Amino acid sequence: MMHEMSLCESVIELVEDSARRDGFSRARVVVLEIGEIGHVEPEAMRFCFGAVSRGTIAENARLDIVRVPGAGWCLDCAKTVPLAERFGPCPECGRHRVQMTAGDELRVKELEVE
């Protein structure tokens, strides 16, 4: 939970930086992309976002979370394959020569502001 708390603090900083740069006064919706095989728990993010956003322009904002499935490039099969775990084998050939290409991200995808 402490990990998610610091991540939410960083998200709020990004929102506040955007507000200063773009001149909005309130964030209504924050959309986050969170990788399915990253080490971020969506429910912990929701809880922490509510706590960290108090007293900021994101207070009472809705937090929408979009889960990004894991994927990687198999060096042996030479193609993109789905990944269910960070260092898992290629589901096609069973080898462990897969470079992760998606599923570990945490990014602010969209802001709805006023």
PDB file of N, CA and C in Angstrom:
ATOM      1  N   MET A   1       0.821  -1.196   0.000  1.00  0.00           N
ATOM      2  CA  MET A   1       0.000   0.000   0.000  1.00  0.00           C
ATOM      3  C   MET A   1       0.868   1.264   0.000  1.00  0.00           C
ATOM      4  N   MET A   2       2.026   1.215   0.645  1.00  0.00           N
ATOM      5  CA  MET A   2       2.908   2.390   0.644  1.00  0.00           C
ATOM      6  C   MET A   2       3.388   2.693  -0.769  1.00  0.00           C
ATOM      7  N   HIS A   3       3.616   1.649  -1.552  1.00  0.00           N
ATOM      8  CA  HIS A   3       4.034   1.804  -2.947  1.00  0.00           C
ATOM      9  C   HIS A   3       2.964   2.574  -3.718  1.00  0.00           C
ATOM     10  N   GLU A   4       1.723   2.164  -3.583  1.00  0.00           N
ATOM     11  CA  GLU A   4       0.622   2.828  -4.277  1.00  0.00           C
ATOM     12  C   GLU A   4       0.430   4.257  -3.780  1.00  0.00           C
ATOM     13  N   MET A   5       0.684   4.498  -2.496  1.00  0.00           N
ATOM     14  CA  MET A   5       0.550   5.854  -1.957  1.00  0.00           C
ATOM     15  C   MET A   5       1.523   6.797  -2.655  1.00  0.00           C
ATOM     16  N   SER A   6       2.781   6.384  -2.780  1.00  0.00           N
ATOM     17  CA  SER A   6       3.761   7.256  -3.443  1.00  0.00           C
ATOM     18  C   SER A   6       3.451   7.399  -4.932  1.00  0.00           C
ATOM     19  N   LEU A   7       2.922   6.355  -5.558  1.00  0.00           N
ATOM     20  CA  LEU A   7       2.521   6.464  -6.963  1.00  0.00           C
ATOM     21  C   LEU A   7       1.384   7.467  -7.119  1.00  0.00           C
ATOM     22  N   CYS A   8       0.416   7.433  -6.218  1.00  0.00           N
ATOM     23  CA  CYS A   8      -0.699   8.385  -6.278  1.00  0.00           C
ATOM     24  C   CYS A   8      -0.224   9.813  -6.038  1.00  0.00           C
ATOM     25  N   GLU A   9       0.739   9.986  -5.144  1.00  0.00           N
ATOM     26  CA  GLU A   9       1.310  11.321  -4.938  1.00  0.00           C
ATOM     27  C   GLU A   9       1.927  11.839  -6.231  1.00  0.00           C
ATOM     28  N   SER A  10       2.610  10.974  -6.960  1.00  0.00           N
ATOM     29  CA  SER A  10       3.200  11.369  -8.243  1.00  0.00           C
ATOM     30  C   SER A  10       2.123  11.701  -9.272  1.00  0.00           C
ATOM     31  N   VAL A  11       1.042  10.940  -9.284  1.00  0.00           N
ATOM     32  CA  VAL A  11      -0.067  11.218 -10.209  1.00  0.00           C
ATOM     33  C   VAL A  11      -0.657  12.596  -9.902  1.00  0.00           C
ATOM     34  N   ILE A  12      -0.876  12.901  -8.629  1.00  0.00           N
ATOM     35  CA  ILE A  12      -1.429  14.207  -8.244  1.00  0.00           C
ATOM     36  C   ILE A  12      -0.474  15.325  -8.660  1.00  0.00           C
ATOM     37  N   GLU A  13       0.825  15.124  -8.485  1.00  0.00           N
ATOM     38  CA  GLU A  13       1.802  16.126  -8.936  1.00  0.00           C
ATOM     39  C   GLU A  13       1.678  16.370 -10.432  1.00  0.00           C
ATOM     40  N   LEU A  14       1.534  15.294 -11.209  1.00  0.00           N
ATOM     41  CA  LEU A  14       1.357  15.442 -12.658  1.00  0.00           C
ATOM     42  C   LEU A  14       0.091  16.225 -12.990  1.00  0.00           C
ATOM     43  N   VAL A  15      -0.990  15.932 -12.297  1.00  0.00           N
ATOM     44  CA  VAL A  15      -2.251  16.637 -12.535  1.00  0.00           C
ATOM     45  C   VAL A  15      -2.093  18.116 -12.193  1.00  0.00           C
ATOM     46  N   GLU A  16      -1.461  18.417 -11.062  1.00  0.00           N
ATOM     47  CA  GLU A  16      -1.276  19.812 -10.663  1.00  0.00           C
ATOM     48  C   GLU A  16      -0.334  20.545 -11.616  1.00  0.00           C
ATOM     49  N   ASP A  17       0.710  19.880 -12.084  1.00  0.00           N
ATOM     50  CA  ASP A  17       1.601  20.484 -13.090  1.00  0.00           C
ATOM     51  C   ASP A  17       0.831  20.793 -14.367  1.00  0.00           C
ATOM     52  N   SER A  18      -0.023  19.868 -14.785  1.00  0.00           N
ATOM     53  CA  SER A  18      -0.844  20.085 -15.983  1.00  0.00           C
ATOM     54  C   SER A  18      -1.791  21.262 -15.784  1.00  0.00           C
ATOM     55  N   ALA A  19      -2.349  21.386 -14.587  1.00  0.00           N
ATOM     56  CA  ALA A  19      -3.265  22.497 -14.298  1.00  0.00           C
ATOM     57  C   ALA A  19      -2.541  23.834 -14.403  1.00  0.00           C
ATOM     58  N   ARG A  20      -1.338  23.915 -13.863  1.00  0.00           N
ATOM     59  CA  ARG A  20      -0.563  25.161 -13.957  1.00  0.00           C
ATOM     60  C   ARG A  20      -0.234  25.475 -15.413  1.00  0.00           C
ATOM     61  N   ARG A  21       0.157  24.462 -16.150  1.00  0.00           N
ATOM     62  CA  ARG A  21       0.558  24.654 -17.547  1.00  0.00           C
ATOM     63  C   ARG A  21      -0.633  24.984 -18.443  1.00  0.00           C
ATOM     64  N   ASP A  22      -1.756  24.277 -18.228  1.00  0.00           N
ATOM     65  CA  ASP A  22      -2.891  24.387 -19.148  1.00  0.00           C
ATOM     66  C   ASP A  22      -4.038  25.250 -18.631  1.00  0.00           C
ATOM     67  N   GLY A  23      -3.940  25.716 -17.394  1.00  0.00           N
ATOM     68  CA  GLY A  23      -4.904  26.677 -16.875  1.00  0.00           C
ATOM     69  C   GLY A  23      -6.260  26.136 -16.462  1.00  0.00           C
ATOM     70  N   PHE A  24      -6.348  24.902 -16.035  1.00  0.00           N
ATOM     71  CA  PHE A  24      -7.631  24.414 -15.522  1.00  0.00           C
ATOM     72  C   PHE A  24      -7.609  24.438 -14.001  1.00  0.00           C
ATOM     73  N   SER A  25      -8.808  24.448 -13.403  1.00  0.00           N
ATOM     74  CA  SER A  25      -8.890  24.609 -11.949  1.00  0.00           C
ATOM     75  C   SER A  25      -9.342  23.353 -11.212  1.00  0.00           C
ATOM     76  N   ARG A  26      -9.835  22.376 -11.963  1.00  0.00           N
ATOM     77  CA  ARG A  26     -10.327  21.169 -11.299  1.00  0.00           C
ATOM     78  C   ARG A  26     -10.240  19.978 -12.238  1.00  0.00           C
ATOM     79  N   ALA A  27      -9.786  18.870 -11.698  1.00  0.00           N
ATOM     80  CA  ALA A  27      -9.801  17.608 -12.446  1.00  0.00           C
ATOM     81  C   ALA A  27     -11.062  16.857 -12.040  1.00  0.00           C
ATOM     82  N   ARG A  28     -11.853  16.458 -13.025  1.00  0.00           N
ATOM     83  CA  ARG A  28     -13.082  15.714 -12.742  1.00  0.00           C
ATOM     84  C   ARG A  28     -12.865  14.212 -12.856  1.00  0.00           C
ATOM     85  N   VAL A  29     -12.044  13.800 -13.841  1.00  0.00           N
ATOM     86  CA  VAL A  29     -11.767  12.382 -14.065  1.00  0.00           C
ATOM     87  C   VAL A  29     -10.281  12.226 -14.373  1.00  0.00           C
ATOM     88  N   VAL A  30      -9.664  11.254 -13.746  1.00  0.00           N
ATOM     89  CA  VAL A  30      -8.277  10.888 -14.040  1.00  0.00           C
ATOM     90  C   VAL A  30      -8.308   9.439 -14.523  1.00  0.00           C
ATOM     91  N   VAL A  31      -7.796   9.222 -15.738  1.00  0.00           N
ATOM     92  CA  VAL A  31      -7.763   7.872 -16.300  1.00  0.00           C
ATOM     93  C   VAL A  31      -6.324   7.372 -16.260  1.00  0.00           C
ATOM     94  N   LEU A  32      -6.110   6.272 -15.560  1.00  0.00           N
ATOM     95  CA  LEU A  32      -4.781   5.665 -15.463  1.00  0.00           C
ATOM     96  C   LEU A  32      -4.751   4.355 -16.234  1.00  0.00           C
ATOM     97  N   GLU A  33      -3.653   4.114 -16.923  1.00  0.00           N
ATOM     98  CA  GLU A  33      -3.381   2.798 -17.496  1.00  0.00           C
ATOM     99  C   GLU A  33      -2.450   2.080 -16.534  1.00  0.00           C
ATOM    100  N   ILE A  34      -2.840   0.893 -16.122  1.00  0.00           N
ATOM    101  CA  ILE A  34      -2.037   0.098 -15.195  1.00  0.00           C
ATOM    102  C   ILE A  34      -1.851  -1.290 -15.796  1.00  0.00           C
ATOM    103  N   GLY A  35      -0.607  -1.697 -15.944  1.00  0.00           N
ATOM    104  CA  GLY A  35      -0.303  -3.008 -16.506  1.00  0.00           C
ATOM    105  C   GLY A  35      -0.746  -4.140 -15.596  1.00  0.00           C
ATOM    106  N   GLU A  36      -1.268  -5.188 -16.218  1.00  0.00           N
ATOM    107  CA  GLU A  36      -1.767  -6.340 -15.457  1.00  0.00           C
ATOM    108  C   GLU A  36      -0.660  -7.140 -14.784  1.00  0.00           C
ATOM    109  N   ILE A  37       0.565  -7.058 -15.297  1.00  0.00           N
ATOM    110  CA  ILE A  37       1.642  -7.828 -14.675  1.00  0.00           C
ATOM    111  C   ILE A  37       2.660  -6.919 -13.994  1.00  0.00           C
ATOM    112  N   GLY A  38       2.261  -5.674 -13.765  1.00  0.00           N
ATOM    113  CA  GLY A  38       3.077  -4.769 -12.969  1.00  0.00           C
ATOM    114  C   GLY A  38       2.807  -5.042 -11.500  1.00  0.00           C
ATOM    115  N   HIS A  39       3.468  -4.324 -10.665  1.00  0.00           N
ATOM    116  CA  HIS A  39       3.313  -4.537  -9.223  1.00  0.00           C
ATOM    117  C   HIS A  39       2.456  -3.441  -8.607  1.00  0.00           C
ATOM    118  N   VAL A  40       1.326  -3.139  -9.243  1.00  0.00           N
ATOM    119  CA  VAL A  40       0.419  -2.105  -8.760  1.00  0.00           C
ATOM    120  C   VAL A  40      -0.964  -2.724  -8.597  1.00  0.00           C
ATOM    121  N   GLU A  41      -1.520  -2.576  -7.410  1.00  0.00           N
ATOM    122  CA  GLU A  41      -2.853  -3.111  -7.123  1.00  0.00           C
ATOM    123  C   GLU A  41      -3.898  -2.023  -7.380  1.00  0.00           C
ATOM    124  N   PRO A  42      -4.802  -2.240  -8.335  1.00  0.00           N
ATOM    125  CA  PRO A  42      -5.799  -1.215  -8.657  1.00  0.00           C
ATOM    126  C   PRO A  42      -6.641  -0.757  -7.461  1.00  0.00           C
ATOM    127  N   GLU A  43      -7.081  -1.678  -6.617  1.00  0.00           N
ATOM    128  CA  GLU A  43      -7.914  -1.275  -5.477  1.00  0.00           C
ATOM    129  C   GLU A  43      -7.123  -0.437  -4.481  1.00  0.00           C
ATOM    130  N   ALA A  44      -5.854  -0.760  -4.293  1.00  0.00           N
ATOM    131  CA  ALA A  44      -5.005   0.056  -3.421  1.00  0.00           C
ATOM    132  C   ALA A  44      -4.814   1.444  -4.027  1.00  0.00           C
ATOM    133  N   MET A  45      -4.693   1.519  -5.356  1.00  0.00           N
ATOM    134  CA  MET A  45      -4.573   2.823  -6.026  1.00  0.00           C
ATOM    135  C   MET A  45      -5.834   3.649  -5.797  1.00  0.00           C
ATOM    136  N   ARG A  46      -6.997   3.033  -5.898  1.00  0.00           N
ATOM    137  CA  ARG A  46      -8.254   3.760  -5.679  1.00  0.00           C
ATOM    138  C   ARG A  46      -8.314   4.324  -4.257  1.00  0.00           C
ATOM    139  N   PHE A  47      -7.975   3.494  -3.291  1.00  0.00           N
ATOM    140  CA  PHE A  47      -7.992   3.932  -1.900  1.00  0.00           C
ATOM    141  C   PHE A  47      -7.008   5.077  -1.679  1.00  0.00           C
ATOM    142  N   CYS A  48      -5.783   4.897  -2.149  1.00  0.00           N
ATOM    143  CA  CYS A  48      -4.743   5.909  -1.947  1.00  0.00           C
ATOM    144  C   CYS A  48      -5.057   7.200  -2.695  1.00  0.00           C
ATOM    145  N   PHE A  49      -5.626   7.087  -3.896  1.00  0.00           N
ATOM    146  CA  PHE A  49      -5.971   8.280  -4.671  1.00  0.00           C
ATOM    147  C   PHE A  49      -6.971   9.136  -3.899  1.00  0.00           C
ATOM    148  N   GLY A  50      -7.962   8.498  -3.295  1.00  0.00           N
ATOM    149  CA  GLY A  50      -8.944   9.236  -2.502  1.00  0.00           C
ATOM    150  C   GLY A  50      -8.299   9.981  -1.350  1.00  0.00           C
ATOM    151  N   ALA A  51      -7.337   9.350  -0.695  1.00  0.00           N
ATOM    152  CA  ALA A  51      -6.659   9.981   0.439  1.00  0.00           C
ATOM    153  C   ALA A  51      -5.714  11.088  -0.011  1.00  0.00           C
ATOM    154  N   VAL A  52      -4.923  10.823  -1.024  1.00  0.00           N
ATOM    155  CA  VAL A  52      -3.888  11.764  -1.468  1.00  0.00           C
ATOM    156  C   VAL A  52      -4.489  12.977  -2.182  1.00  0.00           C
ATOM    157  N   SER A  53      -5.639  12.810  -2.815  1.00  0.00           N
ATOM    158  CA  SER A  53      -6.222  13.912  -3.591  1.00  0.00           C
ATOM    159  C   SER A  53      -6.949  14.943  -2.726  1.00  0.00           C
ATOM    160  N   ARG A  54      -7.179  14.644  -1.461  1.00  0.00           N
ATOM    161  CA  ARG A  54      -7.866  15.606  -0.584  1.00  0.00           C
ATOM    162  C   ARG A  54      -7.093  16.920  -0.531  1.00  0.00           C
ATOM    163  N   GLY A  55      -7.821  18.014  -0.718  1.00  0.00           N
ATOM    164  CA  GLY A  55      -7.201  19.335  -0.660  1.00  0.00           C
ATOM    165  C   GLY A  55      -6.461  19.731  -1.929  1.00  0.00           C
ATOM    166  N   THR A  56      -6.580  18.936  -2.990  1.00  0.00           N
ATOM    167  CA  THR A  56      -5.919  19.251  -4.259  1.00  0.00           C
ATOM    168  C   THR A  56      -6.987  19.510  -5.325  1.00  0.00           C
ATOM    169  N   ILE A  57      -6.554  19.898  -6.516  1.00  0.00           N
ATOM    170  CA  ILE A  57      -7.521  20.121  -7.595  1.00  0.00           C
ATOM    171  C   ILE A  57      -8.155  18.814  -8.068  1.00  0.00           C
ATOM    172  N   ALA A  58      -7.625  17.694  -7.612  1.00  0.00           N
ATOM    173  CA  ALA A  58      -8.195  16.393  -7.979  1.00  0.00           C
ATOM    174  C   ALA A  58      -9.116  15.839  -6.892  1.00  0.00           C
ATOM    175  N   GLU A  59      -9.378  16.638  -5.852  1.00  0.00           N
ATOM    176  CA  GLU A  59     -10.282  16.166  -4.805  1.00  0.00           C
ATOM    177  C   GLU A  59     -11.649  15.866  -5.419  1.00  0.00           C
ATOM    178  N   ASN A  60     -12.221  14.753  -5.067  1.00  0.00           N
ATOM    179  CA  ASN A  60     -13.515  14.273  -5.576  1.00  0.00           C
ATOM    180  C   ASN A  60     -13.486  13.869  -7.048  1.00  0.00           C
ATOM    181  N   ALA A  61     -12.314  13.826  -7.655  1.00  0.00           N
ATOM    182  CA  ALA A  61     -12.221  13.356  -9.046  1.00  0.00           C
ATOM    183  C   ALA A  61     -12.470  11.851  -9.079  1.00  0.00           C
ATOM    184  N   ARG A  62     -13.057  11.404 -10.176  1.00  0.00           N
ATOM    185  CA  ARG A  62     -13.248   9.966 -10.376  1.00  0.00           C
ATOM    186  C   ARG A  62     -11.953   9.392 -10.941  1.00  0.00           C
ATOM    187  N   LEU A  63     -11.518   8.286 -10.389  1.00  0.00           N
ATOM    188  CA  LEU A  63     -10.331   7.596 -10.893  1.00  0.00           C
ATOM    189  C   LEU A  63     -10.790   6.395 -11.706  1.00  0.00           C
ATOM    190  N   ASP A  64     -10.521   6.436 -13.009  1.00  0.00           N
ATOM    191  CA  ASP A  64     -10.815   5.303 -13.889  1.00  0.00           C
ATOM    192  C   ASP A  64      -9.512   4.568 -14.167  1.00  0.00           C
ATOM    193  N   ILE A  65      -9.546   3.261 -14.073  1.00  0.00           N
ATOM    194  CA  ILE A  65      -8.348   2.454 -14.296  1.00  0.00           C
ATOM    195  C   ILE A  65      -8.579   1.540 -15.489  1.00  0.00           C
ATOM    196  N   VAL A  66      -7.674   1.630 -16.442  1.00  0.00           N
ATOM    197  CA  VAL A  66      -7.692   0.773 -17.627  1.00  0.00           C
ATOM    198  C   VAL A  66      -6.554  -0.229 -17.458  1.00  0.00           C
ATOM    199  N   ARG A  67      -6.874  -1.510 -17.441  1.00  0.00           N
ATOM    200  CA  ARG A  67      -5.844  -2.540 -17.293  1.00  0.00           C
ATOM    201  C   ARG A  67      -5.237  -2.854 -18.657  1.00  0.00           C
ATOM    202  N   VAL A  68      -3.910  -2.916 -18.702  1.00  0.00           N
ATOM    203  CA  VAL A  68      -3.185  -3.222 -19.939  1.00  0.00           C
ATOM    204  C   VAL A  68      -2.648  -4.645 -19.826  1.00  0.00           C
ATOM    205  N   PRO A  69      -3.057  -5.541 -20.727  1.00  0.00           N
ATOM    206  CA  PRO A  69      -2.595  -6.930 -20.640  1.00  0.00           C
ATOM    207  C   PRO A  69      -1.100  -7.061 -20.913  1.00  0.00           C
ATOM    208  N   GLY A  70      -0.519  -8.083 -20.326  1.00  0.00           N
ATOM    209  CA  GLY A  70       0.897  -8.352 -20.546  1.00  0.00           C
ATOM    210  C   GLY A  70       1.155  -8.874 -21.949  1.00  0.00           C
ATOM    211  N   ALA A  71       2.263  -8.432 -22.525  1.00  0.00           N
ATOM    212  CA  ALA A  71       2.678  -8.906 -23.845  1.00  0.00           C
ATOM    213  C   ALA A  71       4.195  -8.826 -23.923  1.00  0.00           C
ATOM    214  N   GLY A  72       4.762  -9.611 -24.797  1.00  0.00           N
ATOM    215  CA  GLY A  72       6.209  -9.597 -24.982  1.00  0.00           C
ATOM    216  C   GLY A  72       6.585 -10.051 -26.375  1.00  0.00           C
ATOM    217  N   TRP A  73       7.840  -9.809 -26.714  1.00  0.00           N
ATOM    218  CA  TRP A  73       8.393 -10.233 -28.001  1.00  0.00           C
ATOM    219  C   TRP A  73       9.248 -11.463 -27.744  1.00  0.00           C
ATOM    220  N   CYS A  74       8.858 -12.601 -28.326  1.00  0.00           N
ATOM    221  CA  CYS A  74       9.639 -13.825 -28.176  1.00  0.00           C
ATOM    222  C   CYS A  74      10.774 -13.790 -29.193  1.00  0.00           C
ATOM    223  N   LEU A  75      11.993 -13.869 -28.701  1.00  0.00           N
ATOM    224  CA  LEU A  75      13.163 -13.830 -29.576  1.00  0.00           C
ATOM    225  C   LEU A  75      13.277 -15.094 -30.422  1.00  0.00           C
ATOM    226  N   ASP A  76      12.737 -16.201 -29.934  1.00  0.00           N
ATOM    227  CA  ASP A  76      12.811 -17.455 -30.687  1.00  0.00           C
ATOM    228  C   ASP A  76      11.691 -17.572 -31.726  1.00  0.00           C
ATOM    229  N   CYS A  77      10.481 -17.177 -31.361  1.00  0.00           N
ATOM    230  CA  CYS A  77       9.350 -17.248 -32.295  1.00  0.00           C
ATOM    231  C   CYS A  77       9.306 -16.037 -33.230  1.00  0.00           C
ATOM    232  N   ALA A  78       9.988 -14.959 -32.838  1.00  0.00           N
ATOM    233  CA  ALA A  78      10.001 -13.698 -33.598  1.00  0.00           C
ATOM    234  C   ALA A  78       8.590 -13.143 -33.777  1.00  0.00           C
ATOM    235  N   LYS A  79       7.837 -13.136 -32.657  1.00  0.00           N
ATOM    236  CA  LYS A  79       6.509 -12.533 -32.712  1.00  0.00           C
ATOM    237  C   LYS A  79       6.070 -12.090 -31.323  1.00  0.00           C
ATOM    238  N   THR A  80       5.058 -11.241 -31.316  1.00  0.00           N
ATOM    239  CA  THR A  80       4.479 -10.767 -30.066  1.00  0.00           C
ATOM    240  C   THR A  80       3.562 -11.843 -29.503  1.00  0.00           C
ATOM    241  N   VAL A  81       3.717 -12.095 -28.196  1.00  0.00           N
ATOM    242  CA  VAL A  81       2.922 -13.127 -27.526  1.00  0.00           C
ATOM    243  C   VAL A  81       2.325 -12.552 -26.241  1.00  0.00           C
ATOM    244  N   PRO A  82       1.194 -13.088 -25.787  1.00  0.00           N
ATOM    245  CA  PRO A  82       0.629 -12.644 -24.513  1.00  0.00           C
ATOM    246  C   PRO A  82       1.472 -13.178 -23.350  1.00  0.00           C
ATOM    247  N   LEU A  83       1.583 -12.379 -22.296  1.00  0.00           N
ATOM    248  CA  LEU A  83       2.310 -12.796 -21.094  1.00  0.00           C
ATOM    249  C   LEU A  83       1.376 -12.739 -19.896  1.00  0.00           C
ATOM    250  N   ALA A  84       1.362 -13.796 -19.118  1.00  0.00           N
ATOM    251  CA  ALA A  84       0.540 -13.843 -17.914  1.00  0.00           C
ATOM    252  C   ALA A  84       1.345 -13.469 -16.674  1.00  0.00           C
ATOM    253  N   GLU A  85       2.673 -13.513 -16.777  1.00  0.00           N
ATOM    254  CA  GLU A  85       3.541 -13.147 -15.664  1.00  0.00           C
ATOM    255  C   GLU A  85       4.801 -12.496 -16.213  1.00  0.00           C
ATOM    256  N   ARG A  86       5.430 -11.692 -15.370  1.00  0.00           N
ATOM    257  CA  ARG A  86       6.563 -10.869 -15.782  1.00  0.00           C
ATOM    258  C   ARG A  86       7.682 -11.657 -16.468  1.00  0.00           C
ATOM    259  N   PHE A  87       8.148 -12.706 -15.890  1.00  0.00           N
ATOM    260  CA  PHE A  87       9.268 -13.457 -16.469  1.00  0.00           C
ATOM    261  C   PHE A  87       8.822 -14.836 -16.946  1.00  0.00           C
ATOM    262  N   GLY A  88       7.587 -14.905 -17.385  1.00  0.00           N
ATOM    263  CA  GLY A  88       7.032 -16.178 -17.813  1.00  0.00           C
ATOM    264  C   GLY A  88       7.571 -16.630 -19.157  1.00  0.00           C
ATOM    265  N   PRO A  89       7.357 -17.900 -19.461  1.00  0.00           N
ATOM    266  CA  PRO A  89       7.810 -18.439 -20.744  1.00  0.00           C
ATOM    267  C   PRO A  89       6.900 -17.995 -21.887  1.00  0.00           C
ATOM    268  N   CYS A  90       7.404 -18.125 -23.074  1.00  0.00           N
ATOM    269  CA  CYS A  90       6.598 -17.879 -24.270  1.00  0.00           C
ATOM    270  C   CYS A  90       5.497 -18.941 -24.319  1.00  0.00           C
ATOM    271  N   PRO A  91       4.240 -18.535 -24.490  1.00  0.00           N
ATOM    272  CA  PRO A  91       3.165 -19.527 -24.555  1.00  0.00           C
ATOM    273  C   PRO A  91       3.203 -20.360 -25.842  1.00  0.00           C
ATOM    274  N   GLU A  92       3.972 -19.929 -26.827  1.00  0.00           N
ATOM    275  CA  GLU A  92       4.071 -20.659 -28.095  1.00  0.00           C
ATOM    276  C   GLU A  92       5.149 -21.748 -28.042  1.00  0.00           C
ATOM    277  N   CYS A  93       6.376 -21.359 -27.601  1.00  0.00           N
ATOM    278  CA  CYS A  93       7.500 -22.303 -27.664  1.00  0.00           C
ATOM    279  C   CYS A  93       7.983 -22.775 -26.293  1.00  0.00           C
ATOM    280  N   GLY A  94       7.537 -22.114 -25.215  1.00  0.00           N
ATOM    281  CA  GLY A  94       7.921 -22.521 -23.870  1.00  0.00           C
ATOM    282  C   GLY A  94       9.267 -21.996 -23.402  1.00  0.00           C
ATOM    283  N   ARG A  95       9.984 -21.295 -24.254  1.00  0.00           N
ATOM    284  CA  ARG A  95      11.291 -20.758 -23.861  1.00  0.00           C
ATOM    285  C   ARG A  95      11.109 -19.453 -23.082  1.00  0.00           C
ATOM    286  N   HIS A  96      12.163 -19.080 -22.378  1.00  0.00           N
ATOM    287  CA  HIS A  96      12.127 -17.871 -21.547  1.00  0.00           C
ATOM    288  C   HIS A  96      12.875 -16.710 -22.191  1.00  0.00           C
ATOM    289  N   ARG A  97      12.907 -16.664 -23.495  1.00  0.00           N
ATOM    290  CA  ARG A  97      13.598 -15.564 -24.183  1.00  0.00           C
ATOM    291  C   ARG A  97      12.560 -14.561 -24.703  1.00  0.00           C
ATOM    292  N   VAL A  98      11.829 -13.986 -23.742  1.00  0.00           N
ATOM    293  CA  VAL A  98      10.755 -13.051 -24.074  1.00  0.00           C
ATOM    294  C   VAL A  98      11.069 -11.697 -23.451  1.00  0.00           C
ATOM    295  N   GLN A  99      11.037 -10.665 -24.280  1.00  0.00           N
ATOM    296  CA  GLN A  99      11.227  -9.297 -23.798  1.00  0.00           C
ATOM    297  C   GLN A  99       9.848  -8.665 -23.623  1.00  0.00           C
ATOM    298  N   MET A 100       9.553  -8.228 -22.401  1.00  0.00           N
ATOM    299  CA  MET A 100       8.247  -7.645 -22.118  1.00  0.00           C
ATOM    300  C   MET A 100       8.071  -6.346 -22.904  1.00  0.00           C
ATOM    301  N   THR A 101       6.919  -6.193 -23.549  1.00  0.00           N
ATOM    302  CA  THR A 101       6.616  -4.981 -24.306  1.00  0.00           C
ATOM    303  C   THR A 101       5.387  -4.251 -23.768  1.00  0.00           C
ATOM    304  N   ALA A 102       4.589  -4.903 -22.952  1.00  0.00           N
ATOM    305  CA  ALA A 102       3.395  -4.269 -22.379  1.00  0.00           C
ATOM    306  C   ALA A 102       2.973  -5.022 -21.130  1.00  0.00           C
ATOM    307  N   GLY A 103       2.271  -4.302 -20.259  1.00  0.00           N
ATOM    308  CA  GLY A 103       1.729  -4.930 -19.062  1.00  0.00           C
ATOM    309  C   GLY A 103       2.372  -4.466 -17.780  1.00  0.00           C
ATOM    310  N   ASP A 104       3.400  -3.608 -17.887  1.00  0.00           N
ATOM    311  CA  ASP A 104       4.115  -3.131 -16.707  1.00  0.00           C
ATOM    312  C   ASP A 104       3.934  -1.624 -16.516  1.00  0.00           C
ATOM    313  N   GLU A 105       3.124  -1.000 -17.363  1.00  0.00           N
ATOM    314  CA  GLU A 105       3.047   0.452 -17.348  1.00  0.00           C
ATOM    315  C   GLU A 105       2.148   1.008 -16.256  1.00  0.00           C
ATOM    316  N   LEU A 106       2.405   2.247 -15.937  1.00  0.00           N
ATOM    317  CA  LEU A 106       1.525   3.068 -15.110  1.00  0.00           C
ATOM    318  C   LEU A 106       1.624   4.459 -15.706  1.00  0.00           C
ATOM    319  N   ARG A 107       0.541   4.903 -16.341  1.00  0.00           N
ATOM    320  CA  ARG A 107       0.584   6.230 -16.955  1.00  0.00           C
ATOM    321  C   ARG A 107      -0.774   6.899 -16.857  1.00  0.00           C
ATOM    322  N   VAL A 108      -0.720   8.233 -16.794  1.00  0.00           N
ATOM    323  CA  VAL A 108      -1.948   9.012 -16.873  1.00  0.00           C
ATOM    324  C   VAL A 108      -2.316   9.058 -18.345  1.00  0.00           C
ATOM    325  N   LYS A 109      -3.411   8.421 -18.681  1.00  0.00           N
ATOM    326  CA  LYS A 109      -3.832   8.340 -20.080  1.00  0.00           C
ATOM    327  C   LYS A 109      -4.661   9.545 -20.483  1.00  0.00           C
ATOM    328  N   GLU A 110      -5.482  10.027 -19.550  1.00  0.00           N
ATOM    329  CA  GLU A 110      -6.422  11.094 -19.900  1.00  0.00           C
ATOM    330  C   GLU A 110      -6.854  11.846 -18.649  1.00  0.00           C
ATOM    331  N   LEU A 111      -7.129  13.128 -18.821  1.00  0.00           N
ATOM    332  CA  LEU A 111      -7.694  13.959 -17.757  1.00  0.00           C
ATOM    333  C   LEU A 111      -8.949  14.629 -18.288  1.00  0.00           C
ATOM    334  N   GLU A 112     -10.005  14.609 -17.500  1.00  0.00           N
ATOM    335  CA  GLU A 112     -11.192  15.401 -17.810  1.00  0.00           C
ATOM    336  C   GLU A 112     -11.192  16.537 -16.801  1.00  0.00           C
ATOM    337  N   VAL A 113     -11.167  17.770 -17.300  1.00  0.00           N
ATOM    338  CA  VAL A 113     -10.951  18.928 -16.426  1.00  0.00           C
ATOM    339  C   VAL A 113     -12.016  19.997 -16.651  1.00  0.00           C
ATOM    340  N   GLU A 114     -12.023  20.970 -15.751  1.00  0.00           N
ATOM    341  CA  GLU A 114     -12.877  22.146 -15.946  1.00  0.00           C
ATOM    342  C   GLU A 114     -12.165  23.377 -15.437  1.00  0.00           C
TER     343      GLU A 114
END
